Amino acid sequence: YIYVDWNCSSGDGEGSLPPEELLENSGQNGGENPVILLCHDGGGKETTVQALPSIIEHYMSAGYRFQTVDEVSETAHHRVVN
């Protein structure tokens, strides 16, 4: 097994945020590469669906490409601070 964390969050787990705020949050990756963006699906996430085209456009215009995470992909892991 491999596990993958995220290193950038849309913030949609905090409630129903407007698409513009989700886009702003999604662009704040701190220069991390690769970007692994956390977005949620399911009921109540309609604004995430609305924001997704703009989020994709933002990253594509910055030169990023989208690909499936697999066993040879770079991964993000949260640092544990004890």
N, C-alpha and C. Protein backbone atom coordinates (compact mmCIF):
# COMPACT_ATOMS: atom_id res chain seq x y z
N TYR A 1 0.83 -1.18 0.00
CA TYR A 1 0.00 0.00 0.00
C TYR A 1 0.87 1.24 0.00
N ILE A 2 0.40 2.27 -0.65
CA ILE A 2 1.00 3.58 -0.52
C ILE A 2 -0.09 4.52 -0.03
N TYR A 3 0.29 5.52 0.71
CA TYR A 3 -0.69 6.52 1.12
C TYR A 3 -0.23 7.87 0.63
N VAL A 4 -1.21 8.69 0.36
CA VAL A 4 -0.94 10.03 -0.16
C VAL A 4 -1.74 11.02 0.65
N ASP A 5 -1.08 12.00 1.21
CA ASP A 5 -1.76 13.10 1.87
C ASP A 5 -1.93 14.23 0.86
N TRP A 6 -2.52 15.31 1.28
CA TRP A 6 -2.62 16.48 0.44
C TRP A 6 -1.68 17.54 0.98
N ASN A 7 -1.26 18.46 0.10
CA ASN A 7 -0.42 19.57 0.55
C ASN A 7 -1.07 20.92 0.23
N CYS A 8 -2.32 20.87 -0.21
CA CYS A 8 -3.10 22.07 -0.48
C CYS A 8 -4.57 21.69 -0.33
N SER A 9 -5.34 22.57 0.30
CA SER A 9 -6.76 22.27 0.52
C SER A 9 -7.63 23.36 -0.07
N SER A 10 -8.71 22.94 -0.69
CA SER A 10 -9.69 23.90 -1.20
C SER A 10 -10.46 24.54 -0.06
N GLY A 11 -10.47 23.91 1.08
CA GLY A 11 -11.20 24.41 2.24
C GLY A 11 -12.66 24.01 2.25
N ASP A 12 -13.05 23.16 1.29
CA ASP A 12 -14.46 22.80 1.21
C ASP A 12 -14.92 21.87 2.32
N GLY A 13 -14.03 21.33 3.08
CA GLY A 13 -14.40 20.50 4.21
C GLY A 13 -14.91 21.31 5.39
N GLU A 14 -14.70 22.63 5.32
CA GLU A 14 -15.10 23.51 6.42
C GLU A 14 -16.53 24.00 6.25
N GLY A 15 -17.22 23.58 5.21
CA GLY A 15 -18.59 24.01 4.99
C GLY A 15 -18.79 24.38 3.54
N SER A 16 -19.91 24.99 3.26
CA SER A 16 -20.24 25.39 1.90
C SER A 16 -19.67 26.79 1.63
N LEU A 17 -18.49 26.83 1.07
CA LEU A 17 -17.84 28.10 0.76
C LEU A 17 -18.16 28.50 -0.67
N PRO A 18 -18.16 29.81 -0.97
CA PRO A 18 -18.42 30.24 -2.33
C PRO A 18 -17.30 29.78 -3.28
N PRO A 19 -17.63 29.53 -4.56
CA PRO A 19 -16.62 29.06 -5.51
C PRO A 19 -15.37 29.95 -5.57
N GLU A 20 -15.55 31.27 -5.43
CA GLU A 20 -14.41 32.18 -5.49
C GLU A 20 -13.44 31.94 -4.33
N GLU A 21 -13.97 31.64 -3.17
CA GLU A 21 -13.12 31.36 -2.01
C GLU A 21 -12.41 30.01 -2.16
N LEU A 22 -13.12 29.04 -2.71
CA LEU A 22 -12.50 27.74 -2.96
C LEU A 22 -11.35 27.88 -3.96
N LEU A 23 -11.54 28.69 -5.00
CA LEU A 23 -10.47 28.93 -5.97
C LEU A 23 -9.28 29.60 -5.30
N GLU A 24 -9.54 30.61 -4.49
CA GLU A 24 -8.45 31.30 -3.80
C GLU A 24 -7.69 30.34 -2.89
N ASN A 25 -8.41 29.56 -2.10
CA ASN A 25 -7.76 28.58 -1.21
C ASN A 25 -6.94 27.58 -2.01
N SER A 26 -7.47 27.14 -3.13
CA SER A 26 -6.82 26.10 -3.93
C SER A 26 -5.53 26.57 -4.57
N GLY A 27 -5.38 27.87 -4.73
CA GLY A 27 -4.17 28.41 -5.33
C GLY A 27 -3.07 28.68 -4.33
N GLN A 28 -3.31 28.42 -3.07
CA GLN A 28 -2.34 28.71 -2.02
C GLN A 28 -1.58 27.45 -1.62
N ASN A 29 -0.76 26.96 -2.55
CA ASN A 29 -0.06 25.71 -2.28
C ASN A 29 1.34 25.94 -1.73
N GLY A 30 1.74 27.18 -1.54
CA GLY A 30 3.06 27.45 -0.97
C GLY A 30 4.21 27.02 -1.84
N GLY A 31 3.98 26.88 -3.15
CA GLY A 31 5.04 26.49 -4.06
C GLY A 31 5.35 25.01 -4.06
N GLU A 32 4.54 24.22 -3.38
CA GLU A 32 4.76 22.78 -3.35
C GLU A 32 4.61 22.19 -4.74
N ASN A 33 5.45 21.23 -5.04
CA ASN A 33 5.36 20.52 -6.31
C ASN A 33 5.72 19.07 -6.05
N PRO A 34 4.89 18.13 -6.29
CA PRO A 34 3.60 18.25 -6.95
C PRO A 34 2.55 18.81 -6.00
N VAL A 35 1.49 19.34 -6.57
CA VAL A 35 0.36 19.82 -5.78
C VAL A 35 -0.65 18.68 -5.70
N ILE A 36 -1.02 18.34 -4.49
CA ILE A 36 -2.06 17.34 -4.27
C ILE A 36 -3.16 18.07 -3.51
N LEU A 37 -4.20 18.43 -4.26
CA LEU A 37 -5.26 19.30 -3.76
C LEU A 37 -6.40 18.48 -3.17
N LEU A 38 -6.78 18.84 -1.96
CA LEU A 38 -7.90 18.17 -1.28
C LEU A 38 -9.20 18.87 -1.64
N CYS A 39 -10.10 18.13 -2.26
CA CYS A 39 -11.48 18.56 -2.52
C CYS A 39 -12.38 17.39 -2.15
N HIS A 40 -13.58 17.70 -1.74
CA HIS A 40 -14.53 16.66 -1.35
C HIS A 40 -15.64 16.54 -2.38
N ASP A 41 -16.22 15.36 -2.44
CA ASP A 41 -17.38 15.16 -3.31
C ASP A 41 -18.55 14.73 -2.43
N GLY A 42 -19.69 14.64 -3.01
CA GLY A 42 -20.86 14.20 -2.27
C GLY A 42 -21.85 15.33 -2.08
N GLY A 43 -22.90 15.01 -1.38
CA GLY A 43 -23.96 15.96 -1.13
C GLY A 43 -23.45 17.19 -0.40
N GLY A 44 -23.96 18.34 -0.78
CA GLY A 44 -23.57 19.58 -0.12
C GLY A 44 -22.31 20.21 -0.66
N LYS A 45 -21.71 19.63 -1.69
CA LYS A 45 -20.46 20.15 -2.24
C LYS A 45 -20.68 20.73 -3.64
N GLU A 46 -21.85 21.32 -3.85
CA GLU A 46 -22.17 21.88 -5.15
C GLU A 46 -21.21 23.02 -5.53
N THR A 47 -20.77 23.82 -4.53
CA THR A 47 -19.86 24.92 -4.86
C THR A 47 -18.48 24.40 -5.25
N THR A 48 -18.11 23.23 -4.75
CA THR A 48 -16.84 22.63 -5.19
C THR A 48 -16.93 22.27 -6.66
N VAL A 49 -18.04 21.71 -7.07
CA VAL A 49 -18.25 21.37 -8.48
C VAL A 49 -18.21 22.63 -9.33
N GLN A 50 -18.81 23.71 -8.84
CA GLN A 50 -18.80 24.97 -9.58
C GLN A 50 -17.40 25.56 -9.69
N ALA A 51 -16.59 25.41 -8.66
CA ALA A 51 -15.24 25.99 -8.63
C ALA A 51 -14.23 25.17 -9.42
N LEU A 52 -14.49 23.90 -9.61
CA LEU A 52 -13.49 23.00 -10.19
C LEU A 52 -12.97 23.44 -11.57
N PRO A 53 -13.81 23.87 -12.52
CA PRO A 53 -13.26 24.31 -13.80
C PRO A 53 -12.25 25.47 -13.65
N SER A 54 -12.53 26.41 -12.76
CA SER A 54 -11.61 27.53 -12.54
C SER A 54 -10.32 27.06 -11.87
N ILE A 55 -10.43 26.12 -10.95
CA ILE A 55 -9.24 25.58 -10.28
C ILE A 55 -8.36 24.87 -11.30
N ILE A 56 -8.96 24.07 -12.15
CA ILE A 56 -8.20 23.35 -13.19
C ILE A 56 -7.54 24.35 -14.12
N GLU A 57 -8.28 25.36 -14.55
CA GLU A 57 -7.73 26.38 -15.44
C GLU A 57 -6.56 27.11 -14.79
N HIS A 58 -6.69 27.43 -13.51
CA HIS A 58 -5.62 28.10 -12.76
C HIS A 58 -4.33 27.29 -12.83
N TYR A 59 -4.41 26.02 -12.52
CA TYR A 59 -3.21 25.19 -12.49
C TYR A 59 -2.67 24.91 -13.89
N MET A 60 -3.54 24.71 -14.86
CA MET A 60 -3.06 24.47 -16.22
C MET A 60 -2.35 25.71 -16.77
N SER A 61 -2.87 26.89 -16.47
CA SER A 61 -2.22 28.12 -16.96
C SER A 61 -0.88 28.35 -16.27
N ALA A 62 -0.69 27.74 -15.11
CA ALA A 62 0.59 27.83 -14.40
C ALA A 62 1.56 26.73 -14.83
N GLY A 63 1.15 25.90 -15.82
CA GLY A 63 2.05 24.87 -16.35
C GLY A 63 1.92 23.50 -15.71
N TYR A 64 0.97 23.35 -14.80
CA TYR A 64 0.78 22.03 -14.18
C TYR A 64 0.00 21.14 -15.14
N ARG A 65 0.15 19.84 -14.93
CA ARG A 65 -0.64 18.87 -15.68
C ARG A 65 -1.29 17.93 -14.67
N PHE A 66 -2.37 17.33 -15.08
CA PHE A 66 -3.13 16.46 -14.20
C PHE A 66 -2.86 15.02 -14.57
N GLN A 67 -2.66 14.19 -13.55
CA GLN A 67 -2.41 12.78 -13.81
C GLN A 67 -2.93 11.95 -12.65
N THR A 68 -3.10 10.68 -12.90
CA THR A 68 -3.55 9.74 -11.89
C THR A 68 -2.40 9.46 -10.92
N VAL A 69 -2.73 9.38 -9.65
CA VAL A 69 -1.74 8.99 -8.65
C VAL A 69 -1.59 7.48 -8.73
N ASP A 70 -0.35 7.03 -8.87
CA ASP A 70 -0.08 5.60 -8.90
C ASP A 70 1.17 5.29 -8.09
N GLU A 71 1.66 4.08 -8.18
CA GLU A 71 2.78 3.67 -7.31
C GLU A 71 4.10 4.36 -7.64
N VAL A 72 4.22 5.04 -8.76
CA VAL A 72 5.47 5.75 -9.08
C VAL A 72 5.33 7.27 -8.97
N SER A 73 4.15 7.74 -8.57
CA SER A 73 3.92 9.18 -8.42
C SER A 73 4.64 9.71 -7.18
N GLU A 74 5.04 10.98 -7.28
CA GLU A 74 5.53 11.64 -6.07
C GLU A 74 4.34 11.81 -5.14
N THR A 75 4.59 11.74 -3.86
CA THR A 75 3.50 11.84 -2.90
C THR A 75 3.78 12.95 -1.90
N ALA A 76 2.74 13.40 -1.26
CA ALA A 76 2.85 14.38 -0.17
C ALA A 76 2.53 13.66 1.12
N HIS A 77 3.28 13.98 2.16
CA HIS A 77 3.04 13.40 3.47
C HIS A 77 3.11 14.52 4.50
N HIS A 78 2.14 14.57 5.39
CA HIS A 78 2.15 15.57 6.44
C HIS A 78 3.29 15.28 7.40
N ARG A 79 3.89 16.34 7.85
CA ARG A 79 4.95 16.18 8.85
C ARG A 79 4.31 16.10 10.24
N VAL A 80 4.81 15.22 11.05
CA VAL A 80 4.32 15.08 12.40
C VAL A 80 5.21 15.91 13.30
N VAL A 81 4.58 16.83 14.03
CA VAL A 81 5.33 17.68 14.95
C VAL A 81 4.91 17.29 16.36
N ASN A 82 5.82 16.66 17.07
CA ASN A 82 5.53 16.25 18.45
C ASN A 82 6.29 17.10 19.42
